[in-house]
Amino acid sequence: MEAAAGAEASYVVRGAILECQCGSNPNLLNLPTCHGAYIQGQPLMNVADSKAVVNIPATFGVCEALDKPCEPQVNMEWMNGKADALIDGKAVLTSDSYIMCTKHAEGVIYIADDGQKKA
């Protein structure tokens, strides 16, 4: 879940691809209301954008750890935000960020792609 050796963490924008270590399918990170901060015209996200269904999708397919449909439950902010870059008083979300699903100890949701459209 760390950036590749030597690679620097990147900022995460609306539409980033999320994966859960226990889930069978990736899904997209959502931001219903922009914070007013952008990178390359895309809305930046912060560590507080961690609400189930609102920001984090309602499913990642099948929870392979529990062998039933995935219904992620989160009750914390994203970890590993960029604390020296704030949006609305909260650390900016980075490609190194992750959040725990409370349904299973191995349920770690992480950023598979930061969502930035590469030029």
Protein backbone atom coordinates (compact mmCIF):
# COMPACT_ATOMS: atom_id res chain seq x y z
CA MET A 1 0.00 0.00 0.00
CA GLU A 2 3.04 2.27 0.04
CA ALA A 3 4.04 4.15 -3.08
CA ALA A 4 6.63 2.30 -5.11
CA ALA A 5 10.22 2.77 -3.95
CA GLY A 6 11.31 6.25 -4.91
CA ALA A 7 7.83 7.20 -6.08
CA GLU A 8 6.24 10.17 -4.41
CA ALA A 9 2.65 10.05 -3.18
CA SER A 10 0.25 11.90 -5.46
CA TYR A 11 -2.87 13.91 -4.66
CA VAL A 12 -6.20 12.09 -4.95
CA VAL A 13 -9.13 13.54 -6.90
CA ARG A 14 -12.80 12.68 -7.40
CA GLY A 15 -13.10 9.46 -9.38
CA ALA A 16 -10.00 7.82 -7.92
CA ILE A 17 -10.06 4.02 -8.07
CA LEU A 18 -10.42 2.30 -4.71
CA GLU A 19 -9.81 -1.34 -3.90
CA CYS A 20 -10.44 -3.32 -0.74
CA GLN A 21 -8.01 -6.10 0.15
CA CYS A 22 -11.03 -8.34 0.74
CA GLY A 23 -13.19 -7.14 -2.15
CA SER A 24 -13.53 -8.79 -5.55
CA ASN A 25 -14.05 -5.55 -7.54
CA PRO A 26 -12.62 -2.02 -7.53
CA ASN A 27 -14.91 0.99 -7.32
CA LEU A 28 -14.72 4.80 -7.53
CA LEU A 29 -14.21 7.39 -4.80
CA ASN A 30 -16.91 10.06 -4.89
CA LEU A 31 -17.02 13.71 -3.88
CA PRO A 32 -20.58 15.06 -4.10
CA THR A 33 -19.56 18.63 -3.18
CA CYS A 34 -16.18 20.07 -4.16
CA HIS A 35 -14.00 21.76 -1.56
CA GLY A 36 -12.97 24.44 -4.06
CA ALA A 37 -9.41 23.13 -4.48
CA TYR A 38 -8.34 21.59 -7.78
CA ILE A 39 -5.35 20.01 -9.50
CA GLN A 40 -5.37 20.02 -13.30
CA GLY A 41 -9.04 21.03 -13.15
CA GLN A 42 -10.03 18.05 -11.00
CA PRO A 43 -11.43 18.41 -7.45
CA LEU A 44 -8.99 17.47 -4.67
CA MET A 45 -10.16 15.41 -1.72
CA ASN A 46 -9.24 15.45 1.96
CA VAL A 47 -9.03 12.79 4.68
CA ALA A 48 -12.54 13.63 5.92
CA ASP A 49 -14.00 12.44 2.60
CA SER A 50 -14.43 9.03 4.19
CA LYS A 51 -18.15 8.51 4.56
CA ALA A 52 -19.63 5.17 3.51
CA VAL A 53 -21.93 5.42 0.48
CA VAL A 54 -21.35 9.21 0.19
CA ASN A 55 -17.61 8.98 -0.61
CA ILE A 56 -16.74 5.29 -0.35
CA PRO A 57 -18.90 3.09 -2.57
CA ALA A 58 -21.55 0.79 -1.12
CA THR A 59 -19.77 -2.32 -2.41
CA PHE A 60 -16.53 -3.79 -3.68
CA GLY A 61 -18.29 -6.86 -5.10
CA VAL A 62 -17.92 -9.91 -2.88
CA CYS A 63 -16.12 -9.74 0.47
CA GLU A 64 -13.79 -12.68 0.00
CA ALA A 65 -12.91 -12.72 3.72
CA LEU A 66 -16.56 -13.19 4.72
CA ASP A 67 -17.76 -14.94 1.53
CA LYS A 68 -20.77 -12.66 1.15
CA PRO A 69 -21.64 -9.39 -0.61
CA CYS A 70 -19.31 -6.55 0.34
CA GLU A 71 -20.94 -3.75 2.33
CA PRO A 72 -18.01 -1.67 3.64
CA GLN A 73 -18.36 -0.01 7.02
CA VAL A 74 -15.95 2.79 7.93
CA ASN A 75 -15.99 5.02 10.99
CA MET A 76 -12.73 6.94 10.71
CA GLU A 77 -10.93 9.37 8.44
CA TRP A 78 -8.40 8.26 5.84
CA MET A 79 -4.90 7.59 7.22
CA ASN A 80 -1.67 8.98 5.70
CA GLY A 81 -3.02 12.24 4.33
CA LYS A 82 -0.59 15.06 3.51
CA ALA A 83 -0.68 16.92 6.82
CA ASP A 84 1.26 19.94 5.53
CA ALA A 85 -1.30 20.55 2.74
CA LEU A 86 -4.79 21.32 4.04
CA ILE A 87 -8.18 21.64 2.37
CA ASP A 88 -10.99 22.88 4.62
CA GLY A 89 -8.64 22.37 7.59
CA LYS A 90 -8.05 18.68 6.82
CA ALA A 91 -5.02 16.91 5.31
CA VAL A 92 -5.14 16.35 1.55
CA LEU A 93 -5.83 12.74 0.52
CA THR A 94 -2.84 11.04 -1.17
CA SER A 95 -2.17 7.84 -3.06
CA ASP A 96 -0.59 6.48 0.16
CA SER A 97 -3.85 6.92 2.09
CA TYR A 98 -5.93 4.01 3.34
CA ILE A 99 -8.92 3.37 5.59
CA MET A 100 -10.03 0.32 7.58
CA CYS A 101 -13.33 -1.50 7.07
CA THR A 102 -14.73 -2.52 10.44
CA LYS A 103 -16.39 -5.66 9.03
CA HIS A 104 -13.13 -7.65 8.87
CA ALA A 105 -9.61 -7.15 10.22
CA GLU A 106 -8.12 -7.56 6.73
CA GLY A 107 -10.56 -5.08 5.20
CA VAL A 108 -8.19 -2.31 4.18
CA ILE A 109 -9.48 0.07 1.52
CA TYR A 110 -6.72 1.78 -0.42
CA ILE A 111 -6.17 4.07 -3.41
CA ALA A 112 -5.35 1.96 -6.48
CA ASP A 113 -5.25 4.99 -8.82
CA ASP A 114 -5.29 8.66 -7.78
CA GLY A 115 -7.86 9.52 -10.48
CA GLN A 116 -5.78 12.29 -12.02
CA LYS A 117 -6.08 12.44 -15.78
CA LYS A 118 -2.53 12.21 -17.01
CA ALA A 119 -1.65 14.68 -19.77
